[in-house]
PDB file of N, CA and C in Angstrom:
ATOM      1  N   MET A   1      83.316  61.362  98.480  1.00  0.00           N
ATOM      2  CA  MET A   1      83.787  62.551  99.164  1.00  0.00           C
ATOM      3  C   MET A   1      82.844  63.721  98.873  1.00  0.00           C
ATOM      4  N   SER A   2      82.709  64.543  99.891  1.00  0.00           N
ATOM      5  CA  SER A   2      81.859  65.714  99.699  1.00  0.00           C
ATOM      6  C   SER A   2      82.657  66.817  99.001  1.00  0.00           C
ATOM      7  N   LYS A   3      81.938  67.778  98.494  1.00  0.00           N
ATOM      8  CA  LYS A   3      82.570  68.897  97.777  1.00  0.00           C
ATOM      9  C   LYS A   3      83.515  69.667  98.704  1.00  0.00           C
ATOM     10  N   ARG A   4      83.134  69.775  99.953  1.00  0.00           N
ATOM     11  CA  ARG A   4      83.945  70.492 100.934  1.00  0.00           C
ATOM     12  C   ARG A   4      85.280  69.784 101.150  1.00  0.00           C
ATOM     13  N   ASN A   5      85.277  68.468 101.257  1.00  0.00           N
ATOM     14  CA  ASN A   5      86.516  67.711 101.452  1.00  0.00           C
ATOM     15  C   ASN A   5      87.427  67.806 100.234  1.00  0.00           C
ATOM     16  N   ILE A   6      86.849  67.825  99.034  1.00  0.00           N
ATOM     17  CA  ILE A   6      87.652  67.936  97.807  1.00  0.00           C
ATOM     18  C   ILE A   6      88.356  69.288  97.770  1.00  0.00           C
ATOM     19  N   ILE A   7      87.642  70.352  98.107  1.00  0.00           N
ATOM     20  CA  ILE A   7      88.245  71.703  98.115  1.00  0.00           C
ATOM     21  C   ILE A   7      89.337  71.781  99.173  1.00  0.00           C
ATOM     22  N   LEU A   8      89.087  71.241 100.346  1.00  0.00           N
ATOM     23  CA  LEU A   8      90.072  71.257 101.424  1.00  0.00           C
ATOM     24  C   LEU A   8      91.321  70.468 101.035  1.00  0.00           C
ATOM     25  N   THR A   9      91.158  69.331 100.399  1.00  0.00           N
ATOM     26  CA  THR A   9      92.300  68.528  99.950  1.00  0.00           C
ATOM     27  C   THR A   9      93.098  69.274  98.887  1.00  0.00           C
ATOM     28  N   GLY A  10      92.421  69.932  97.976  1.00  0.00           N
ATOM     29  CA  GLY A  10      93.101  70.717  96.938  1.00  0.00           C
ATOM     30  C   GLY A  10      93.912  71.850  97.538  1.00  0.00           C
ATOM     31  N   ILE A  11      93.365  72.535  98.526  1.00  0.00           N
ATOM     32  CA  ILE A  11      94.081  73.639  99.178  1.00  0.00           C
ATOM     33  C   ILE A  11      95.321  73.116  99.886  1.00  0.00           C
ATOM     34  N   ILE A  12      95.197  71.977 100.550  1.00  0.00           N
ATOM     35  CA  ILE A  12      96.345  71.403 101.258  1.00  0.00           C
ATOM     36  C   ILE A  12      97.437  71.009 100.268  1.00  0.00           C
ATOM     37  N   ILE A  13      97.055  70.418  99.134  1.00  0.00           N
ATOM     38  CA  ILE A  13      98.048  70.029  98.124  1.00  0.00           C
ATOM     39  C   ILE A  13      98.761  71.257  97.577  1.00  0.00           C
ATOM     40  N   VAL A  14      98.028  72.311  97.295  1.00  0.00           N
ATOM     41  CA  VAL A  14      98.650  73.543  96.790  1.00  0.00           C
ATOM     42  C   VAL A  14      99.604  74.126  97.823  1.00  0.00           C
ATOM     43  N   LEU A  15      99.217  74.146  99.097  1.00  0.00           N
ATOM     44  CA  LEU A  15     100.087  74.683 100.146  1.00  0.00           C
ATOM     45  C   LEU A  15     101.366  73.864 100.281  1.00  0.00           C
ATOM     46  N   VAL A  16     101.242  72.524 100.205  1.00  0.00           N
ATOM     47  CA  VAL A  16     102.428  71.671 100.287  1.00  0.00           C
ATOM     48  C   VAL A  16     103.342  71.934  99.099  1.00  0.00           C
ATOM     49  N   PHE A  17     102.783  72.056  97.904  1.00  0.00           N
ATOM     50  CA  PHE A  17     103.574  72.311  96.699  1.00  0.00           C
ATOM     51  C   PHE A  17     104.303  73.659  96.802  1.00  0.00           C
ATOM     52  N   VAL A  18     103.607  74.691  97.259  1.00  0.00           N
ATOM     53  CA  VAL A  18     104.223  76.025  97.393  1.00  0.00           C
ATOM     54  C   VAL A  18     105.321  75.998  98.440  1.00  0.00           C
ATOM     55  N   SER A  19     105.096  75.313  99.560  1.00  0.00           N
ATOM     56  CA  SER A  19     106.126  75.278 100.606  1.00  0.00           C
ATOM     57  C   SER A  19     107.364  74.534 100.125  1.00  0.00           C
ATOM     58  N   PHE A  20     107.204  73.437  99.357  1.00  0.00           N
ATOM     59  CA  PHE A  20     108.369  72.742  98.803  1.00  0.00           C
ATOM     60  C   PHE A  20     109.136  73.640  97.846  1.00  0.00           C
ATOM     61  N   ASN A  21     108.433  74.408  97.022  1.00  0.00           N
ATOM     62  CA  ASN A  21     109.107  75.308  96.087  1.00  0.00           C
ATOM     63  C   ASN A  21     109.872  76.404  96.819  1.00  0.00           C
ATOM     64  N   VAL A  22     109.306  76.904  97.895  1.00  0.00           N
ATOM     65  CA  VAL A  22     109.971  77.965  98.646  1.00  0.00           C
ATOM     66  C   VAL A  22     111.220  77.429  99.338  1.00  0.00           C
ATOM     67  N   PHE A  23     111.116  76.283  99.974  1.00  0.00           N
ATOM     68  CA  PHE A  23     112.236  75.767 100.753  1.00  0.00           C
ATOM     69  C   PHE A  23     113.306  75.103  99.900  1.00  0.00           C
ATOM     70  N   PHE A  24     112.940  74.541  98.764  1.00  0.00           N
ATOM     71  CA  PHE A  24     113.903  73.812  97.952  1.00  0.00           C
ATOM     72  C   PHE A  24     114.170  74.471  96.605  1.00  0.00           C
ATOM     73  N   SER A  25     113.937  75.770  96.521  1.00  0.00           N
ATOM     74  CA  SER A  25     114.117  76.455  95.235  1.00  0.00           C
ATOM     75  C   SER A  25     115.584  76.721  94.926  1.00  0.00           C
ATOM     76  N   GLY A  26     116.464  76.563  95.882  1.00  0.00           N
ATOM     77  CA  GLY A  26     117.887  76.776  95.645  1.00  0.00           C
ATOM     78  C   GLY A  26     118.355  78.173  95.983  1.00  0.00           C
ATOM     79  N   GLU A  27     117.445  79.080  96.313  1.00  0.00           N
ATOM     80  CA  GLU A  27     117.844  80.427  96.700  1.00  0.00           C
ATOM     81  C   GLU A  27     118.214  80.411  98.175  1.00  0.00           C
ATOM     82  N   SER A  28     119.374  80.933  98.457  1.00  0.00           N
ATOM     83  CA  SER A  28     119.792  80.990  99.857  1.00  0.00           C
ATOM     84  C   SER A  28     119.350  82.313 100.471  1.00  0.00           C
ATOM     85  N   ALA A  29     119.500  82.404 101.763  1.00  0.00           N
ATOM     86  CA  ALA A  29     119.129  83.638 102.465  1.00  0.00           C
ATOM     87  C   ALA A  29     120.017  84.793 102.020  1.00  0.00           C
ATOM     88  N   ASP A  30     121.283  84.478 101.653  1.00  0.00           N
ATOM     89  CA  ASP A  30     122.176  85.529 101.182  1.00  0.00           C
ATOM     90  C   ASP A  30     121.688  86.118  99.864  1.00  0.00           C
ATOM     91  N   ASP A  31     121.175  85.258  98.968  1.00  0.00           N
ATOM     92  CA  ASP A  31     120.653  85.741  97.690  1.00  0.00           C
ATOM     93  C   ASP A  31     119.454  86.653  97.906  1.00  0.00           C
ATOM     94  N   ILE A  32     118.592  86.244  98.805  1.00  0.00           N
ATOM     95  CA  ILE A  32     117.398  87.049  99.091  1.00  0.00           C
ATOM     96  C   ILE A  32     117.805  88.384  99.715  1.00  0.00           C
ATOM     97  N   ALA A  33     118.786  88.356 100.633  1.00  0.00           N
ATOM     98  CA  ALA A  33     119.257  89.594 101.264  1.00  0.00           C
ATOM     99  C   ALA A  33     119.914  90.501 100.235  1.00  0.00           C
ATOM    100  N   LEU A  34     120.639  89.923  99.265  1.00  0.00           N
ATOM    101  CA  LEU A  34     121.289  90.718  98.226  1.00  0.00           C
ATOM    102  C   LEU A  34     120.255  91.413  97.354  1.00  0.00           C
ATOM    103  N   VAL A  35     119.194  90.705  96.994  1.00  0.00           N
ATOM    104  CA  VAL A  35     118.129  91.296  96.187  1.00  0.00           C
ATOM    105  C   VAL A  35     117.442  92.406  96.964  1.00  0.00           C
ATOM    106  N   ALA A  36     117.200  92.179  98.255  1.00  0.00           N
ATOM    107  CA  ALA A  36     116.550  93.198  99.080  1.00  0.00           C
ATOM    108  C   ALA A  36     117.444  94.426  99.223  1.00  0.00           C
ATOM    109  N   ALA A  37     118.756  94.210  99.375  1.00  0.00           N
ATOM    110  CA  ALA A  37     119.684  95.334  99.516  1.00  0.00           C
ATOM    111  C   ALA A  37     119.746  96.149  98.234  1.00  0.00           C
ATOM    112  N   SER A  38     119.758  95.488  97.080  1.00  0.00           N
ATOM    113  CA  SER A  38     119.811  96.239  95.826  1.00  0.00           C
ATOM    114  C   SER A  38     118.519  97.012  95.606  1.00  0.00           C
ATOM    115  N   ALA A  39     117.384  96.446  96.009  1.00  0.00           N
ATOM    116  CA  ALA A  39     116.123  97.174  95.897  1.00  0.00           C
ATOM    117  C   ALA A  39     116.130  98.400  96.809  1.00  0.00           C
ATOM    118  N   GLU A  40     116.701  98.249  97.994  1.00  0.00           N
ATOM    119  CA  GLU A  40     116.792  99.376  98.924  1.00  0.00           C
ATOM    120  C   GLU A  40     117.703 100.467  98.364  1.00  0.00           C
ATOM    121  N   GLN A  41     118.783 100.077  97.725  1.00  0.00           N
ATOM    122  CA  GLN A  41     119.691 101.059  97.129  1.00  0.00           C
ATOM    123  C   GLN A  41     119.005 101.814  96.001  1.00  0.00           C
ATOM    124  N   ARG A  42     118.169 101.116  95.216  1.00  0.00           N
ATOM    125  CA  ARG A  42     117.449 101.794  94.141  1.00  0.00           C
ATOM    126  C   ARG A  42     116.492 102.817  94.715  1.00  0.00           C
ATOM    127  N   VAL A  43     115.822 102.474  95.805  1.00  0.00           N
ATOM    128  CA  VAL A  43     114.888 103.411  96.431  1.00  0.00           C
ATOM    129  C   VAL A  43     115.649 104.618  96.969  1.00  0.00           C
ATOM    130  N   GLU A  44     116.784 104.366  97.640  1.00  0.00           N
ATOM    131  CA  GLU A  44     117.579 105.470  98.184  1.00  0.00           C
ATOM    132  C   GLU A  44     118.108 106.371  97.067  1.00  0.00           C
ATOM    133  N   SER A  45     118.543 105.788  95.954  1.00  0.00           N
ATOM    134  CA  SER A  45     119.062 106.612  94.860  1.00  0.00           C
ATOM    135  C   SER A  45     117.942 107.434  94.239  1.00  0.00           C
ATOM    136  N   GLN A  46     116.722 106.882  94.188  1.00  0.00           N
ATOM    137  CA  GLN A  46     115.587 107.634  93.663  1.00  0.00           C
ATOM    138  C   GLN A  46     115.253 108.799  94.582  1.00  0.00           C
ATOM    139  N   VAL A  47     115.297 108.549  95.901  1.00  0.00           N
ATOM    140  CA  VAL A  47     115.033 109.627  96.864  1.00  0.00           C
ATOM    141  C   VAL A  47     116.118 110.692  96.743  1.00  0.00           C
ATOM    142  N   GLY A  48     117.368 110.245  96.601  1.00  0.00           N
ATOM    143  CA  GLY A  48     118.467 111.198  96.439  1.00  0.00           C
ATOM    144  C   GLY A  48     118.307 112.031  95.183  1.00  0.00           C
ATOM    145  N   ALA A  49     117.850 111.413  94.094  1.00  0.00           N
ATOM    146  CA  ALA A  49     117.634 112.141  92.847  1.00  0.00           C
ATOM    147  C   ALA A  49     116.522 113.171  93.017  1.00  0.00           C
ATOM    148  N   ASP A  50     115.467 112.815  93.748  1.00  0.00           N
ATOM    149  CA  ASP A  50     114.378 113.758  93.992  1.00  0.00           C
ATOM    150  C   ASP A  50     114.858 114.955  94.808  1.00  0.00           C
ATOM    151  N   ILE A  51     115.696 114.694  95.800  1.00  0.00           N
ATOM    152  CA  ILE A  51     116.217 115.782  96.640  1.00  0.00           C
ATOM    153  C   ILE A  51     117.111 116.701  95.817  1.00  0.00           C
ATOM    154  N   LEU A  52     117.965 116.111  94.981  1.00  0.00           N
ATOM    155  CA  LEU A  52     118.833 116.932  94.135  1.00  0.00           C
ATOM    156  C   LEU A  52     118.023 117.771  93.151  1.00  0.00           C
ATOM    157  N   ALA A  53     116.960 117.216  92.589  1.00  0.00           N
ATOM    158  CA  ALA A  53     116.121 117.978  91.663  1.00  0.00           C
ATOM    159  C   ALA A  53     115.461 119.152  92.390  1.00  0.00           C
ATOM    160  N   ALA A  54     114.981 118.916  93.619  1.00  0.00           N
ATOM    161  CA  ALA A  54     114.365 119.999  94.389  1.00  0.00           C
ATOM    162  C   ALA A  54     115.397 121.064  94.750  1.00  0.00           C
ATOM    163  N   LEU A  55     116.606 120.632  95.088  1.00  0.00           N
ATOM    164  CA  LEU A  55     117.663 121.590  95.416  1.00  0.00           C
ATOM    165  C   LEU A  55     118.034 122.436  94.203  1.00  0.00           C
ATOM    166  N   ASN A  56     118.127 121.835  93.037  1.00  0.00           N
ATOM    167  CA  ASN A  56     118.421 122.595  91.810  1.00  0.00           C
ATOM    168  C   ASN A  56     117.319 123.595  91.503  1.00  0.00           C
ATOM    169  N   THR A  57     116.079 123.213  91.756  1.00  0.00           N
ATOM    170  CA  THR A  57     114.968 124.134  91.545  1.00  0.00           C
ATOM    171  C   THR A  57     115.067 125.320  92.496  1.00  0.00           C
ATOM    172  N   LEU A  58     115.408 125.048  93.757  1.00  0.00           N
ATOM    173  CA  LEU A  58     115.536 126.137  94.734  1.00  0.00           C
ATOM    174  C   LEU A  58     116.694 127.062  94.390  1.00  0.00           C
ATOM    175  N   GLU A  59     117.793 126.504  93.895  1.00  0.00           N
ATOM    176  CA  GLU A  59     118.948 127.336  93.555  1.00  0.00           C
ATOM    177  C   GLU A  59     118.656 128.250  92.374  1.00  0.00           C
ATOM    178  N   SER A  60     117.762 127.844  91.500  1.00  0.00           N
ATOM    179  CA  SER A  60     117.473 128.657  90.321  1.00  0.00           C
ATOM    180  C   SER A  60     116.475 129.777  90.614  1.00  0.00           C
ATOM    181  N   LEU A  61     115.867 129.787  91.809  1.00  0.00           N
ATOM    182  CA  LEU A  61     114.917 130.835  92.156  1.00  0.00           C
ATOM    183  C   LEU A  61     115.635 132.148  92.422  1.00  0.00           C
ATOM    184  N   ARG A  62     115.031 133.223  91.970  1.00  0.00           N
ATOM    185  CA  ARG A  62     115.554 134.559  92.231  1.00  0.00           C
ATOM    186  C   ARG A  62     114.430 135.370  92.865  1.00  0.00           C
ATOM    187  N   LEU A  63     114.685 135.908  94.043  1.00  0.00           N
ATOM    188  CA  LEU A  63     113.676 136.668  94.769  1.00  0.00           C
ATOM    189  C   LEU A  63     113.877 138.158  94.553  1.00  0.00           C
ATOM    190  N   ASP A  64     112.765 138.864  94.380  1.00  0.00           N
ATOM    191  CA  ASP A  64     112.797 140.308  94.240  1.00  0.00           C
ATOM    192  C   ASP A  64     112.657 140.909  95.635  1.00  0.00           C
ATOM    193  N   VAL A  65     113.742 141.444  96.178  1.00  0.00           N
ATOM    194  CA  VAL A  65     113.736 141.968  97.542  1.00  0.00           C
ATOM    195  C   VAL A  65     113.422 143.459  97.589  1.00  0.00           C
ATOM    196  N   SER A  66     113.071 144.054  96.476  1.00  0.00           N
ATOM    197  CA  SER A  66     112.753 145.481  96.476  1.00  0.00           C
ATOM    198  C   SER A  66     111.514 145.768  97.315  1.00  0.00           C
ATOM    199  N   PHE A  67     110.659 144.786  97.508  1.00  0.00           N
ATOM    200  CA  PHE A  67     109.471 144.955  98.343  1.00  0.00           C
ATOM    201  C   PHE A  67     109.856 145.358  99.757  1.00  0.00           C
ATOM    202  N   PHE A  68     110.931 144.790 100.286  1.00  0.00           N
ATOM    203  CA  PHE A  68     111.342 145.079 101.658  1.00  0.00           C
ATOM    204  C   PHE A  68     111.942 146.475 101.798  1.00  0.00           C
ATOM    205  N   LYS A  69     112.287 147.103 100.706  1.00  0.00           N
ATOM    206  CA  LYS A  69     112.833 148.455 100.743  1.00  0.00           C
ATOM    207  C   LYS A  69     111.745 149.510 100.573  1.00  0.00           C
ATOM    208  N   ASN A  70     110.541 149.085 100.278  1.00  0.00           N
ATOM    209  CA  ASN A  70     109.420 149.986 100.065  1.00  0.00           C
ATOM    210  C   ASN A  70     109.043 150.657 101.385  1.00  0.00           C
ATOM    211  N   ASP A  71     108.668 151.952 101.323  1.00  0.00           N
ATOM    212  CA  ASP A  71     108.296 152.700 102.522  1.00  0.00           C
ATOM    213  C   ASP A  71     107.029 152.144 103.176  1.00  0.00           C
ATOM    214  N   LEU A  72     106.087 151.642 102.381  1.00  0.00           N
ATOM    215  CA  LEU A  72     104.872 151.066 102.953  1.00  0.00           C
ATOM    216  C   LEU A  72     105.209 149.861 103.829  1.00  0.00           C
ATOM    217  N   TYR A  73     106.126 149.048 103.390  1.00  0.00           N
ATOM    218  CA  TYR A  73     106.519 147.884 104.183  1.00  0.00           C
ATOM    219  C   TYR A  73     107.259 148.312 105.438  1.00  0.00           C
ATOM    220  N   ARG A  74     108.129 149.291 105.322  1.00  0.00           N
ATOM    221  CA  ARG A  74     108.923 149.747 106.461  1.00  0.00           C
ATOM    222  C   ARG A  74     108.061 150.408 107.524  1.00  0.00           C
ATOM    223  N   ASN A  75     106.913 150.968 107.142  1.00  0.00           N
ATOM    224  CA  ASN A  75     106.043 151.649 108.098  1.00  0.00           C
ATOM    225  C   ASN A  75     105.073 150.698 108.801  1.00  0.00           C
ATOM    226  N   LEU A  76     105.082 149.442 108.449  1.00  0.00           N
ATOM    227  CA  LEU A  76     104.222 148.476 109.123  1.00  0.00           C
ATOM    228  C   LEU A  76     104.678 148.289 110.562  1.00  0.00           C
ATOM    229  N   ARG A  77     103.708 148.210 111.487  1.00  0.00           N
ATOM    230  CA  ARG A  77     104.026 148.015 112.896  1.00  0.00           C
ATOM    231  C   ARG A  77     103.268 146.796 113.410  1.00  0.00           C
ATOM    232  N   ASP A  78     103.871 146.114 114.354  1.00  0.00           N
ATOM    233  CA  ASP A  78     103.259 144.940 114.962  1.00  0.00           C
ATOM    234  C   ASP A  78     102.176 145.390 115.929  1.00  0.00           C
ATOM    235  N   GLN A  79     100.943 144.982 115.683  1.00  0.00           N
ATOM    236  CA  GLN A  79      99.831 145.364 116.547  1.00  0.00           C
ATOM    237  C   GLN A  79      99.229 144.145 117.247  1.00  0.00           C
ATOM    238  N   SER A  80      99.995 143.110 117.368  1.00  0.00           N
ATOM    239  CA  SER A  80      99.488 141.915 118.035  1.00  0.00           C
ATOM    240  C   SER A  80      99.382 142.163 119.533  1.00  0.00           C
ATOM    241  N   GLN A  81      98.475 141.436 120.172  1.00  0.00           N
ATOM    242  CA  GLN A  81      98.257 141.573 121.600  1.00  0.00           C
ATOM    243  C   GLN A  81      98.655 140.279 122.286  1.00  0.00           C
ATOM    244  N   LEU A  82      99.168 140.428 123.500  1.00  0.00           N
ATOM    245  CA  LEU A  82      99.587 139.279 124.281  1.00  0.00           C
ATOM    246  C   LEU A  82      98.361 138.530 124.776  1.00  0.00           C
ATOM    247  N   ILE A  83      98.335 137.244 124.559  1.00  0.00           N
ATOM    248  CA  ILE A  83      97.231 136.403 125.019  1.00  0.00           C
ATOM    249  C   ILE A  83      97.632 135.792 126.351  1.00  0.00           C
ATOM    250  N   GLN A  84      96.764 135.992 127.344  1.00  0.00           N
ATOM    251  CA  GLN A  84      97.046 135.476 128.678  1.00  0.00           C
ATOM    252  C   GLN A  84      96.894 133.953 128.678  1.00  0.00           C
ATOM    253  N   PRO A  85      97.765 133.246 129.417  1.00  0.00           N
ATOM    254  CA  PRO A  85      97.634 131.788 129.496  1.00  0.00           C
ATOM    255  C   PRO A  85      96.304 131.403 130.135  1.00  0.00           C
ATOM    256  N   GLN A  86      95.673 130.382 129.598  1.00  0.00           N
ATOM    257  CA  GLN A  86      94.390 129.899 130.083  1.00  0.00           C
ATOM    258  C   GLN A  86      94.567 128.508 130.664  1.00  0.00           C
ATOM    259  N   PRO A  87      93.757 128.134 131.660  1.00  0.00           N
ATOM    260  CA  PRO A  87      93.856 126.780 132.192  1.00  0.00           C
ATOM    261  C   PRO A  87      93.469 125.773 131.100  1.00  0.00           C
ATOM    262  N   VAL A  88      94.205 124.682 131.062  1.00  0.00           N
ATOM    263  CA  VAL A  88      93.990 123.695 130.011  1.00  0.00           C
ATOM    264  C   VAL A  88      93.662 122.355 130.642  1.00  0.00           C
ATOM    265  N   GLY A  89      92.467 121.875 130.434  1.00  0.00           N
ATOM    266  CA  GLY A  89      92.076 120.524 130.806  1.00  0.00           C
ATOM    267  C   GLY A  89      92.331 120.143 132.251  1.00  0.00           C
ATOM    268  N   ARG A  90      92.379 118.834 132.473  1.00  0.00           N
ATOM    269  CA  ARG A  90      92.602 118.279 133.797  1.00  0.00           C
ATOM    270  C   ARG A  90      93.995 117.673 133.841  1.00  0.00           C
ATOM    271  N   ASN A  91      94.538 117.539 135.054  1.00  0.00           N
ATOM    272  CA  ASN A  91      95.855 116.922 135.197  1.00  0.00           C
ATOM    273  C   ASN A  91      95.845 115.489 134.695  1.00  0.00           C
ATOM    274  N   ASN A  92      94.812 114.739 135.051  1.00  0.00           N
ATOM    275  CA  ASN A  92      94.691 113.355 134.607  1.00  0.00           C
ATOM    276  C   ASN A  92      93.293 113.171 134.022  1.00  0.00           C
ATOM    277  N   PRO A  93      93.160 113.190 132.698  1.00  0.00           N
ATOM    278  CA  PRO A  93      91.822 113.116 132.096  1.00  0.00           C
ATOM    279  C   PRO A  93      91.158 111.755 132.250  1.00  0.00           C
ATOM    280  N   PHE A  94      91.888 110.753 132.735  1.00  0.00           N
ATOM    281  CA  PHE A  94      91.331 109.416 132.864  1.00  0.00           C
ATOM    282  C   PHE A  94      90.693 109.161 134.230  1.00  0.00           C
ATOM    283  N   LEU A  95      90.864 110.086 135.163  1.00  0.00           N
ATOM    284  CA  LEU A  95      90.211 109.944 136.466  1.00  0.00           C
ATOM    285  C   LEU A  95      88.724 110.190 136.311  1.00  0.00           C
ATOM    286  N   PRO A  96      87.898 109.568 137.143  1.00  0.00           N
ATOM    287  CA  PRO A  96      86.451 109.853 137.093  1.00  0.00           C
ATOM    288  C   PRO A  96      86.186 111.319 137.407  1.00  0.00           C
ATOM    289  N   ILE A  97      85.108 111.827 136.882  1.00  0.00           N
ATOM    290  CA  ILE A  97      84.745 113.225 137.093  1.00  0.00           C
ATOM    291  C   ILE A  97      84.547 113.461 138.591  1.00  0.00           C
ATOM    292  N   GLY A  98      85.117 114.551 139.103  1.00  0.00           N
ATOM    293  CA  GLY A  98      84.994 114.888 140.514  1.00  0.00           C
ATOM    294  C   GLY A  98      86.235 114.540 141.308  1.00  0.00           C
ATOM    295  N   ARG A  99      87.106 113.721 140.766  1.00  0.00           N
ATOM    296  CA  ARG A  99      88.366 113.377 141.445  1.00  0.00           C
ATOM    297  C   ARG A  99      89.501 113.985 140.633  1.00  0.00           C
ATOM    298  N   GLU A 100      89.856 115.195 140.981  1.00  0.00           N
ATOM    299  CA  GLU A 100      90.865 115.909 140.211  1.00  0.00           C
ATOM    300  C   GLU A 100      92.286 115.535 140.587  1.00  0.00           C
ATOM    301  N   SER A 101      92.525 115.148 141.826  1.00  0.00           N
ATOM    302  CA  SER A 101      93.888 114.817 142.220  1.00  0.00           C
ATOM    303  C   SER A 101      94.122 113.329 142.049  1.00  0.00           C
ATOM    304  N   GLY A 102      95.361 112.926 142.007  1.00  0.00           N
ATOM    305  CA  GLY A 102      95.701 111.525 141.850  1.00  0.00           C
ATOM    306  C   GLY A 102      95.730 110.774 143.164  1.00  0.00           C
ATOM    307  N   ALA A 103      95.460 111.465 144.268  1.00  0.00           N
ATOM    308  CA  ALA A 103      95.519 110.820 145.581  1.00  0.00           C
ATOM    309  C   ALA A 103      94.315 109.917 145.779  1.00  0.00           C
ATOM    310  N   ALA A 104      94.500 108.904 146.618  1.00  0.00           N
ATOM    311  CA  ALA A 104      93.407 107.988 146.936  1.00  0.00           C
ATOM    312  C   ALA A 104      92.380 108.712 147.794  1.00  0.00           C
ATOM    313  N   PRO A 105      91.103 108.302 147.710  1.00  0.00           N
ATOM    314  CA  PRO A 105      90.090 108.979 148.528  1.00  0.00           C
ATOM    315  C   PRO A 105      90.376 108.787 150.008  1.00  0.00           C
ATOM    316  N   VAL A 106      90.113 109.842 150.796  1.00  0.00           N
ATOM    317  CA  VAL A 106      90.363 109.837 152.228  1.00  0.00           C
ATOM    318  C   VAL A 106      89.118 109.320 152.934  1.00  0.00           C
ATOM    319  N   SER A 107      89.310 108.388 153.836  1.00  0.00           N
ATOM    320  CA  SER A 107      88.184 107.841 154.583  1.00  0.00           C
ATOM    321  C   SER A 107      87.813 108.807 155.698  1.00  0.00           C
ATOM    322  N   THR A 108      86.496 108.996 155.881  1.00  0.00           N
ATOM    323  CA  THR A 108      86.034 109.915 156.927  1.00  0.00           C
ATOM    324  C   THR A 108      85.761 109.200 158.244  1.00  0.00           C
ATOM    325  N   SER A 109      85.731 107.889 158.235  1.00  0.00           N
ATOM    326  CA  SER A 109      85.466 107.165 159.500  1.00  0.00           C
ATOM    327  C   SER A 109      86.766 107.044 160.277  1.00  0.00           C
ATOM    328  N   THR A 110      86.625 107.070 161.598  1.00  0.00           N
ATOM    329  CA  THR A 110      87.799 106.936 162.455  1.00  0.00           C
ATOM    330  C   THR A 110      87.727 105.589 163.155  1.00  0.00           C
ATOM    331  N   ALA A 111      88.808 104.863 163.131  1.00  0.00           N
ATOM    332  CA  ALA A 111      88.868 103.553 163.775  1.00  0.00           C
ATOM    333  C   ALA A 111      89.452 103.720 165.163  1.00  0.00           C
ATOM    334  N   ARG A 112      88.811 103.092 166.187  1.00  0.00           N
ATOM    335  CA  ARG A 112      89.313 103.206 167.556  1.00  0.00           C
ATOM    336  C   ARG A 112      89.745 101.893 168.059  1.00  0.00           C
TER     337      ARG A 112
END
């Protein structure tokens, strides 16, 4: 036998052995689903704990609102300017250049 055939035979034997262990290991689909559900619950509880920790941090914050009572802040005025709407792109960017509408090209020849 060549080296290639020996390696191929070994791989096939390992695959057969692994498939027998998976199918005949005695674990049912319910057991696997139960393990997956408990893992999901652990992840959800960890996410819930993270959210609660962030909420507790936010509740402990105290903001100094005296800044908003300052005369300098009260005298600020909005000086923004209205930006006029600009045309944006093409209606259908996938059409070839020069064909802006979705209509089929019109034939110029007349049939009699």
